[in-house]
Amino acid sequence: GMEFSDVLACRRALRDAAIALRFEMQTVKSDKSRFTAKCTSVGCPWRIHCAKLPGVPNFTIRTINGSHTCGGISHLGHHQASVQWV
């Protein structure tokens, strides 16, 4: 899968993708060795799991269900578009 330099780079890339594709995600698990997130829309099966590669700080996407059934967000604002992102 796609590789990132560390967990923060992985989270930034996923945040940028969520904003560009107009969906919001919720972190399910995030620690030094893994990151899992899901779509915030009720019933949408989109989910991603990233994990640290052994012996290096790099993270890679391990599994992704890339199919959104929610149609994206339709409200103003975006949960991932924080002040730091802007």
N, C-alpha and C. Protein backbone atom coordinates (compact mmCIF):
# COMPACT_ATOMS: atom_id res chain seq x y z
N GLY A 1 0.82 -1.20 0.00
CA GLY A 1 0.00 0.00 0.00
C GLY A 1 0.85 1.24 0.00
N MET A 2 0.19 2.38 -0.04
CA MET A 2 0.86 3.67 -0.02
C MET A 2 1.65 3.82 1.28
N GLU A 3 2.84 4.42 1.19
CA GLU A 3 3.73 4.54 2.34
C GLU A 3 3.88 6.00 2.76
N PHE A 4 3.99 6.22 4.07
CA PHE A 4 4.15 7.56 4.65
C PHE A 4 5.35 7.55 5.59
N SER A 5 5.95 8.72 5.79
CA SER A 5 7.17 8.80 6.60
C SER A 5 6.94 8.50 8.08
N ASP A 6 5.75 8.79 8.58
CA ASP A 6 5.40 8.50 9.98
C ASP A 6 3.88 8.60 10.14
N VAL A 7 3.39 8.39 11.37
CA VAL A 7 1.94 8.39 11.59
C VAL A 7 1.34 9.77 11.33
N LEU A 8 2.07 10.85 11.62
CA LEU A 8 1.54 12.19 11.38
C LEU A 8 1.37 12.45 9.89
N ALA A 9 2.33 12.03 9.08
CA ALA A 9 2.22 12.19 7.63
C ALA A 9 1.04 11.38 7.10
N CYS A 10 0.83 10.22 7.65
CA CYS A 10 -0.30 9.37 7.27
C CYS A 10 -1.62 10.07 7.60
N ARG A 11 -1.74 10.59 8.81
CA ARG A 11 -2.96 11.28 9.23
C ARG A 11 -3.20 12.54 8.39
N ARG A 12 -2.14 13.29 8.08
CA ARG A 12 -2.29 14.50 7.25
C ARG A 12 -2.80 14.15 5.86
N ALA A 13 -2.25 13.10 5.26
CA ALA A 13 -2.67 12.69 3.91
C ALA A 13 -4.13 12.25 3.91
N LEU A 14 -4.53 11.52 4.94
CA LEU A 14 -5.92 11.08 5.02
C LEU A 14 -6.86 12.25 5.26
N ARG A 15 -6.43 13.22 6.07
CA ARG A 15 -7.24 14.42 6.30
C ARG A 15 -7.43 15.19 5.01
N ASP A 16 -6.35 15.38 4.25
CA ASP A 16 -6.43 16.10 2.98
C ASP A 16 -7.36 15.38 2.00
N ALA A 17 -7.29 14.06 1.97
CA ALA A 17 -8.16 13.27 1.08
C ALA A 17 -9.62 13.40 1.52
N ALA A 18 -9.86 13.36 2.82
CA ALA A 18 -11.23 13.48 3.33
C ALA A 18 -11.83 14.83 2.95
N ILE A 19 -11.05 15.89 3.07
CA ILE A 19 -11.54 17.23 2.71
C ILE A 19 -11.79 17.31 1.22
N ALA A 20 -10.86 16.83 0.41
CA ALA A 20 -10.99 16.89 -1.05
C ALA A 20 -12.18 16.07 -1.55
N LEU A 21 -12.43 14.93 -0.91
CA LEU A 21 -13.51 14.04 -1.36
C LEU A 21 -14.83 14.29 -0.63
N ARG A 22 -14.85 15.29 0.25
CA ARG A 22 -16.06 15.74 0.94
C ARG A 22 -16.69 14.67 1.83
N PHE A 23 -15.86 14.01 2.63
CA PHE A 23 -16.39 13.14 3.67
C PHE A 23 -15.62 13.41 4.95
N GLU A 24 -16.25 13.10 6.07
CA GLU A 24 -15.58 13.27 7.36
C GLU A 24 -15.25 11.90 7.93
N MET A 25 -14.12 11.84 8.61
CA MET A 25 -13.71 10.57 9.19
C MET A 25 -13.50 10.72 10.69
N GLN A 26 -13.63 9.62 11.37
CA GLN A 26 -13.44 9.56 12.82
C GLN A 26 -12.32 8.58 13.11
N THR A 27 -11.40 8.99 13.97
CA THR A 27 -10.31 8.11 14.36
C THR A 27 -10.85 7.02 15.29
N VAL A 28 -10.59 5.79 14.93
CA VAL A 28 -11.00 4.65 15.74
C VAL A 28 -9.86 4.27 16.69
N LYS A 29 -8.62 4.27 16.16
CA LYS A 29 -7.45 3.91 16.95
C LYS A 29 -6.23 4.64 16.39
N SER A 30 -5.42 5.20 17.26
CA SER A 30 -4.19 5.87 16.82
C SER A 30 -3.15 5.74 17.92
N ASP A 31 -2.06 5.07 17.60
CA ASP A 31 -0.95 4.98 18.53
C ASP A 31 0.36 4.93 17.74
N LYS A 32 1.45 4.57 18.39
CA LYS A 32 2.76 4.60 17.73
C LYS A 32 2.90 3.59 16.60
N SER A 33 2.06 2.56 16.59
CA SER A 33 2.24 1.50 15.60
C SER A 33 1.07 1.31 14.63
N ARG A 34 -0.05 2.01 14.84
CA ARG A 34 -1.19 1.82 13.94
C ARG A 34 -2.14 3.02 13.97
N PHE A 35 -2.91 3.14 12.90
CA PHE A 35 -3.91 4.19 12.77
C PHE A 35 -5.10 3.62 12.02
N THR A 36 -6.29 3.73 12.61
CA THR A 36 -7.51 3.25 11.97
C THR A 36 -8.55 4.36 12.04
N ALA A 37 -9.25 4.58 10.92
CA ALA A 37 -10.30 5.60 10.87
C ALA A 37 -11.48 5.07 10.07
N LYS A 38 -12.65 5.67 10.31
CA LYS A 38 -13.85 5.29 9.58
C LYS A 38 -14.63 6.54 9.20
N CYS A 39 -15.53 6.39 8.24
CA CYS A 39 -16.41 7.49 7.83
C CYS A 39 -17.38 7.78 8.97
N THR A 40 -17.68 9.06 9.20
CA THR A 40 -18.58 9.41 10.29
C THR A 40 -20.05 9.21 9.94
N SER A 41 -20.38 9.05 8.66
CA SER A 41 -21.78 8.86 8.27
C SER A 41 -22.28 7.49 8.74
N VAL A 42 -23.43 7.49 9.39
CA VAL A 42 -24.00 6.26 9.92
C VAL A 42 -24.27 5.27 8.79
N GLY A 43 -23.78 4.07 8.94
CA GLY A 43 -24.01 3.02 7.96
C GLY A 43 -23.03 2.97 6.81
N CYS A 44 -22.17 3.97 6.66
CA CYS A 44 -21.19 3.96 5.57
C CYS A 44 -20.05 3.01 5.94
N PRO A 45 -19.70 2.08 5.05
CA PRO A 45 -18.69 1.07 5.39
C PRO A 45 -17.23 1.51 5.20
N TRP A 46 -16.98 2.77 4.73
CA TRP A 46 -15.61 3.19 4.46
C TRP A 46 -14.79 3.12 5.74
N ARG A 47 -13.60 2.50 5.63
CA ARG A 47 -12.70 2.33 6.77
C ARG A 47 -11.29 2.16 6.23
N ILE A 48 -10.29 2.64 6.99
CA ILE A 48 -8.90 2.49 6.57
C ILE A 48 -8.06 2.10 7.78
N HIS A 49 -7.08 1.24 7.54
CA HIS A 49 -6.17 0.82 8.61
C HIS A 49 -4.74 0.95 8.09
N CYS A 50 -3.92 1.69 8.82
CA CYS A 50 -2.51 1.88 8.49
C CYS A 50 -1.68 1.33 9.65
N ALA A 51 -0.49 0.83 9.32
CA ALA A 51 0.37 0.25 10.36
C ALA A 51 1.83 0.60 10.08
N LYS A 52 2.61 0.62 11.16
CA LYS A 52 4.04 0.91 11.08
C LYS A 52 4.77 -0.28 10.47
N LEU A 53 5.71 0.03 9.61
CA LEU A 53 6.56 -1.02 9.04
C LEU A 53 7.63 -1.40 10.07
N PRO A 54 8.01 -2.65 10.16
CA PRO A 54 9.01 -3.07 11.16
C PRO A 54 10.39 -2.48 10.89
N GLY A 55 11.02 -1.96 11.94
CA GLY A 55 12.39 -1.49 11.85
C GLY A 55 12.59 -0.09 11.32
N VAL A 56 11.53 0.55 10.84
CA VAL A 56 11.61 1.92 10.31
C VAL A 56 10.41 2.72 10.82
N PRO A 57 10.47 4.06 10.75
CA PRO A 57 9.33 4.85 11.24
C PRO A 57 8.16 4.92 10.24
N ASN A 58 8.34 4.38 9.05
CA ASN A 58 7.33 4.50 8.00
C ASN A 58 6.03 3.76 8.32
N PHE A 59 4.93 4.36 7.84
CA PHE A 59 3.60 3.74 7.95
C PHE A 59 3.12 3.40 6.55
N THR A 60 2.30 2.36 6.44
CA THR A 60 1.73 1.97 5.16
C THR A 60 0.25 1.65 5.34
N ILE A 61 -0.52 1.87 4.28
CA ILE A 61 -1.93 1.48 4.30
C ILE A 61 -2.00 -0.04 4.19
N ARG A 62 -2.60 -0.68 5.17
CA ARG A 62 -2.71 -2.14 5.17
C ARG A 62 -4.02 -2.59 4.54
N THR A 63 -5.13 -1.98 4.99
CA THR A 63 -6.44 -2.33 4.43
C THR A 63 -7.27 -1.07 4.27
N ILE A 64 -8.10 -1.06 3.24
CA ILE A 64 -9.00 0.06 3.01
C ILE A 64 -10.26 -0.46 2.32
N ASN A 65 -11.38 -0.04 2.87
CA ASN A 65 -12.64 -0.27 2.18
C ASN A 65 -12.95 1.09 1.56
N GLY A 66 -12.65 1.24 0.30
CA GLY A 66 -12.74 2.54 -0.36
C GLY A 66 -14.09 2.92 -0.87
N SER A 67 -15.12 2.16 -0.54
CA SER A 67 -16.46 2.43 -1.07
C SER A 67 -17.30 3.21 -0.06
N HIS A 68 -17.55 4.48 -0.37
CA HIS A 68 -18.47 5.28 0.45
C HIS A 68 -19.88 5.06 -0.07
N THR A 69 -20.79 4.76 0.83
CA THR A 69 -22.20 4.65 0.44
C THR A 69 -22.98 5.88 0.90
N CYS A 70 -22.29 6.80 1.58
CA CYS A 70 -22.95 7.95 2.20
C CYS A 70 -23.16 9.12 1.25
N GLY A 71 -22.41 9.20 0.17
CA GLY A 71 -22.54 10.33 -0.74
C GLY A 71 -21.80 11.57 -0.28
N GLY A 72 -21.04 11.49 0.79
CA GLY A 72 -20.26 12.63 1.28
C GLY A 72 -21.10 13.56 2.14
N ILE A 73 -20.46 14.62 2.63
CA ILE A 73 -21.16 15.56 3.51
C ILE A 73 -21.94 16.57 2.68
N SER A 74 -23.04 17.05 3.27
CA SER A 74 -23.85 18.06 2.58
C SER A 74 -24.02 19.31 3.43
N HIS A 75 -23.41 19.34 4.61
CA HIS A 75 -23.52 20.51 5.49
C HIS A 75 -22.33 21.45 5.28
N LEU A 76 -22.47 22.66 5.76
CA LEU A 76 -21.37 23.63 5.69
C LEU A 76 -20.30 23.25 6.70
N GLY A 77 -19.08 23.60 6.37
CA GLY A 77 -17.97 23.29 7.26
C GLY A 77 -17.49 21.86 7.06
N HIS A 78 -16.34 21.56 7.64
CA HIS A 78 -15.77 20.22 7.54
C HIS A 78 -14.99 19.94 8.80
N HIS A 79 -15.28 18.84 9.44
CA HIS A 79 -14.66 18.48 10.72
C HIS A 79 -13.13 18.44 10.63
N GLN A 80 -12.58 17.98 9.52
CA GLN A 80 -11.12 17.87 9.39
C GLN A 80 -10.45 19.19 8.99
N ALA A 81 -11.21 20.19 8.55
CA ALA A 81 -10.62 21.46 8.12
C ALA A 81 -10.38 22.35 9.34
N SER A 82 -9.36 22.04 10.09
CA SER A 82 -9.03 22.77 11.32
C SER A 82 -8.31 24.07 11.00
N VAL A 83 -8.11 24.87 12.02
CA VAL A 83 -7.38 26.13 11.87
C VAL A 83 -5.96 25.84 11.36
N GLN A 84 -5.33 24.79 11.89
CA GLN A 84 -3.98 24.44 11.45
C GLN A 84 -3.97 24.06 9.97
N TRP A 85 -5.03 23.38 9.50
CA TRP A 85 -5.10 22.95 8.10
C TRP A 85 -5.24 24.15 7.18
N VAL A 86 -6.10 25.10 7.56
CA VAL A 86 -6.35 26.29 6.74
C VAL A 86 -5.09 27.11 6.67
